[in-house]
Protein backbone atom coordinates (compact mmCIF):
# COMPACT_ATOMS: atom_id res chain seq x y z
CA MET A 1 96.63 28.93 297.37
CA GLN A 2 93.12 27.36 296.81
CA VAL A 3 92.05 23.76 296.62
CA GLN A 4 88.77 23.55 294.70
CA PRO A 5 86.63 20.31 293.90
CA TYR A 6 86.37 19.14 290.52
CA LEU A 7 83.45 16.65 290.10
CA PHE A 8 82.69 14.61 287.05
CA PHE A 9 78.86 13.86 286.47
CA GLU A 10 79.37 11.43 283.78
CA GLY A 11 76.72 13.10 281.58
CA ARG A 12 74.69 14.64 284.48
CA ALA A 13 76.38 17.96 285.11
CA GLU A 14 73.60 20.38 283.54
CA GLU A 15 71.23 18.49 285.73
CA ALA A 16 73.45 18.81 288.84
CA ALA A 17 73.80 22.37 288.19
CA GLU A 18 70.32 23.04 288.45
CA PHE A 19 69.76 20.90 291.40
CA TYR A 20 72.44 22.81 293.18
CA GLY A 21 71.18 26.20 292.24
CA LYS A 22 67.89 25.04 293.68
CA ALA A 23 69.08 22.89 296.69
CA LEU A 24 71.90 25.10 297.95
CA GLY A 25 71.71 28.66 296.06
CA ALA A 26 74.51 27.63 293.60
CA LYS A 27 75.26 30.15 290.65
CA VAL A 28 76.49 29.15 287.62
CA VAL A 29 79.77 31.30 286.91
CA MET A 30 80.62 29.45 283.68
CA MET A 31 79.50 26.66 281.56
CA MET A 32 80.99 25.48 278.41
CA ARG A 33 79.66 22.44 276.11
CA PHE A 34 81.95 20.21 274.10
CA LYS A 35 80.63 21.58 270.97
CA ASP A 36 81.74 25.17 272.05
CA SER A 37 85.41 24.41 272.61
CA PRO A 38 87.59 26.71 270.85
CA GLU A 39 89.92 23.83 270.07
CA PRO A 40 89.19 20.48 268.86
CA SER A 41 89.27 17.48 271.68
CA ASN A 42 92.23 15.49 271.24
CA GLU A 43 91.44 11.63 271.34
CA GLU A 44 92.25 11.17 275.10
CA CYS A 45 89.66 14.01 276.24
CA ALA A 46 87.09 13.61 273.46
CA PRO A 47 83.62 12.51 274.53
CA PRO A 48 81.77 9.73 273.24
CA ALA A 49 80.07 10.21 269.63
CA GLY A 50 76.59 12.34 270.28
CA SER A 51 77.90 13.99 273.38
CA GLU A 52 78.48 17.25 272.04
CA ASP A 53 76.05 19.00 274.10
CA LYS A 54 77.39 17.80 277.32
CA ILE A 55 79.21 20.05 279.68
CA MET A 56 82.93 20.21 279.10
CA HIS A 57 83.52 22.50 281.96
CA MET A 58 81.29 24.56 284.52
CA SER A 59 82.28 26.63 287.60
CA LEU A 60 79.38 26.81 290.28
CA GLN A 61 79.43 29.18 292.97
CA ILE A 62 78.21 27.83 296.27
CA GLY A 63 78.44 30.31 298.92
CA ASP A 64 82.28 31.32 299.21
CA THR A 65 83.53 28.27 297.35
CA MET A 66 83.78 27.60 293.78
CA VAL A 67 82.98 24.00 292.69
CA MET A 68 83.93 22.94 289.19
CA GLY A 69 82.49 20.33 287.43
CA SER A 70 82.12 18.43 284.00
CA ASP A 71 80.11 15.72 282.13
CA GLY A 72 83.64 13.74 282.04
CA MET A 73 83.74 11.12 279.44
CA CYS A 74 79.88 10.25 279.69
CA LYS A 75 80.96 6.44 280.44
CA GLY A 76 78.21 5.47 282.73
CA PRO A 77 77.23 6.54 286.65
CA ALA A 78 79.53 8.92 288.38
CA GLU A 79 81.51 7.46 291.30
CA PHE A 80 82.34 9.72 294.08
CA LYS A 81 84.33 7.52 296.31
CA GLY A 82 86.58 8.64 299.11
CA ILE A 83 85.55 12.30 299.38
CA ALA A 84 82.89 14.18 300.70
CA LEU A 85 81.96 17.80 300.59
CA SER A 86 81.21 19.93 303.70
CA ILE A 87 78.88 22.52 304.54
CA ASN A 88 78.86 24.67 307.33
CA ALA A 89 75.19 25.95 308.01
CA ALA A 90 74.46 29.30 309.89
CA ASP A 91 72.34 27.57 312.34
CA ASP A 92 70.30 24.15 313.06
CA ALA A 93 67.04 25.22 310.64
CA ASP A 94 69.61 26.42 308.03
CA ALA A 95 71.38 22.89 308.41
CA GLU A 96 68.16 20.87 308.44
CA ARG A 97 66.91 22.78 305.45
CA LYS A 98 70.05 22.29 303.28
CA PHE A 99 70.39 18.34 304.28
CA ALA A 100 66.68 18.00 303.40
CA ALA A 101 67.15 19.68 299.85
CA LEU A 102 70.57 17.59 299.27
CA SER A 103 68.48 14.26 300.50
CA ASP A 104 65.87 14.59 298.00
CA GLY A 105 66.28 11.79 295.66
CA GLY A 106 69.09 10.98 297.36
CA LYS A 107 70.12 8.51 300.43
CA VAL A 108 70.72 9.53 304.12
CA LEU A 109 73.79 8.20 305.44
CA ALA A 110 74.01 9.51 309.00
CA PRO A 111 70.63 11.20 309.94
CA MET A 112 70.83 14.82 311.18
CA VAL A 113 71.40 14.79 315.09
CA PRO A 114 73.28 16.92 317.64
CA THR A 115 76.63 15.71 318.20
CA PHE A 116 79.73 16.63 320.79
CA PHE A 117 81.27 18.68 317.89
CA SER A 118 77.82 20.40 316.30
CA SER A 119 74.53 21.40 317.20
CA ARG A 120 73.35 19.46 314.03
CA PHE A 121 75.15 17.20 312.02
CA GLY A 122 74.38 14.72 309.36
CA MET A 123 75.59 13.03 305.72
CA VAL A 124 74.07 12.26 302.56
CA ALA A 125 74.73 11.19 299.43
CA ASP A 126 72.74 13.24 296.68
CA ARG A 127 71.12 11.82 293.55
CA PHE A 128 74.41 12.00 292.08
CA GLY A 129 76.06 10.12 294.40
CA VAL A 130 78.03 12.98 295.95
CA THR A 131 78.45 12.54 299.29
CA TRP A 132 77.57 16.03 301.87
CA MET A 133 78.21 16.51 305.42
CA VAL A 134 76.17 19.38 306.60
CA LEU A 135 76.72 20.60 310.19
CA VAL A 136 76.69 23.96 312.12
CA ALA A 137 80.07 25.19 312.79
CA PRO A 138 80.48 26.03 316.36
């Protein structure tokens, strides 16, 4: 069994896919727009009028992990509360690079520092509000 994160970007999914591609080397495995759905949306899942070009579903390969996402219902700013994604970097330099890339346009929550559990650890909320923990695995 696998547990995979599914993130609702509320209208910024395509921008997020491009950002994670540059920042983390994410690869778009699949991306479908609402207008390309083989079935019409029901009332509960229909995006607001004018959102036909928004992302209904996408899958991003980030390292060995599949992260899925969508534009959701495009109802305002995305809120990612009570969750963080964690990245195990190969070494200190890799951790610093990934942290800097994710910090671009975001907010550093805990700067990269050595800790008792990792040679480098830091937390950042990226430009979309997703919290990331970057560390070097022991």
